[in-house]
């Protein structure tokens, strides 16, 4: 994360927070589906596989940044 500009990190934080409806600091599958209702199941599965580094079934901000940064 340290190689990203402050502006890019702020953009990613804003995007993350808009998806994290519960405000718990994690994006769940349900939150992704609520934010992207037309997302195909296979795309969601690929996203979780690529982003959920620790396998806990949700995406932290750090994982989100690694994916999109």
Protein backbone atom coordinates (compact mmCIF):
# COMPACT_ATOMS: atom_id res chain seq x y z
CA UNK A 1 0.00 0.00 0.00
CA UNK A 2 2.89 2.38 0.61
CA UNK A 3 3.64 2.81 -3.10
CA UNK A 4 0.18 4.28 -3.79
CA UNK A 5 -0.39 8.02 -3.72
CA UNK A 6 -2.50 9.52 -0.98
CA UNK A 7 -5.06 10.51 -3.59
CA UNK A 8 -5.36 6.94 -4.90
CA UNK A 9 -5.68 5.55 -1.37
CA UNK A 10 -8.42 8.10 -0.66
CA UNK A 11 -10.27 7.03 -3.84
CA UNK A 12 -10.01 3.39 -2.85
CA UNK A 13 -11.17 4.14 0.70
CA UNK A 14 -14.20 6.00 -0.65
CA UNK A 15 -15.07 3.10 -2.97
CA UNK A 16 -14.56 0.56 -0.18
CA UNK A 17 -16.70 2.52 2.26
CA UNK A 18 -19.50 2.84 -0.30
CA UNK A 19 -19.65 -0.97 -0.59
CA UNK A 20 -19.15 -1.67 3.14
CA UNK A 21 -22.76 -0.88 4.08
CA UNK A 22 -22.41 -2.22 7.64
CA UNK A 23 -19.35 -0.08 8.31
CA UNK A 24 -17.54 -2.97 9.98
CA UNK A 25 -14.37 -2.56 7.90
CA UNK A 26 -15.03 -5.59 5.72
CA UNK A 27 -16.94 -6.24 2.51
CA UNK A 28 -19.08 -9.36 2.64
CA UNK A 29 -20.56 -11.27 -0.27
CA UNK A 30 -23.97 -9.82 0.60
CA UNK A 31 -22.62 -6.28 0.47
CA UNK A 32 -21.04 -6.90 -2.92
CA UNK A 33 -24.31 -8.30 -4.23
CA UNK A 34 -26.25 -5.36 -2.81
CA UNK A 35 -23.86 -2.89 -4.43
CA UNK A 36 -23.54 -4.84 -7.71
CA UNK A 37 -26.87 -6.69 -8.10
CA UNK A 38 -26.15 -7.81 -11.67
CA UNK A 39 -22.79 -9.37 -10.83
CA UNK A 40 -22.77 -12.98 -12.09
CA UNK A 41 -22.07 -15.68 -9.51
CA UNK A 42 -18.91 -16.80 -11.32
CA UNK A 43 -17.57 -13.23 -11.24
CA UNK A 44 -18.24 -13.00 -7.51
CA UNK A 45 -16.47 -16.32 -6.97
CA UNK A 46 -13.44 -15.16 -8.96
CA UNK A 47 -13.39 -11.87 -7.09
CA UNK A 48 -13.46 -13.59 -3.72
CA UNK A 49 -10.76 -16.02 -4.79
CA UNK A 50 -8.50 -13.19 -5.97
CA UNK A 51 -9.20 -10.74 -3.16
CA UNK A 52 -9.83 -12.77 0.00
CA UNK A 53 -6.20 -13.53 0.84
CA UNK A 54 -6.87 -14.87 4.33
CA UNK A 55 -9.90 -16.95 3.31
CA UNK A 56 -12.23 -15.54 5.95
CA UNK A 57 -15.09 -14.95 3.50
CA UNK A 58 -14.89 -11.18 3.53
CA UNK A 59 -12.60 -8.55 2.05
CA UNK A 60 -10.66 -6.13 4.25
CA UNK A 61 -9.53 -2.72 3.05
CA UNK A 62 -5.96 -4.03 2.70
CA UNK A 63 -7.16 -6.89 0.50
CA UNK A 64 -9.28 -4.44 -1.52
CA UNK A 65 -6.25 -2.21 -2.08
CA UNK A 66 -4.08 -5.17 -3.16
CA UNK A 67 -6.75 -6.13 -5.68
CA UNK A 68 -7.45 -2.67 -7.12
CA UNK A 69 -4.43 -0.58 -6.17
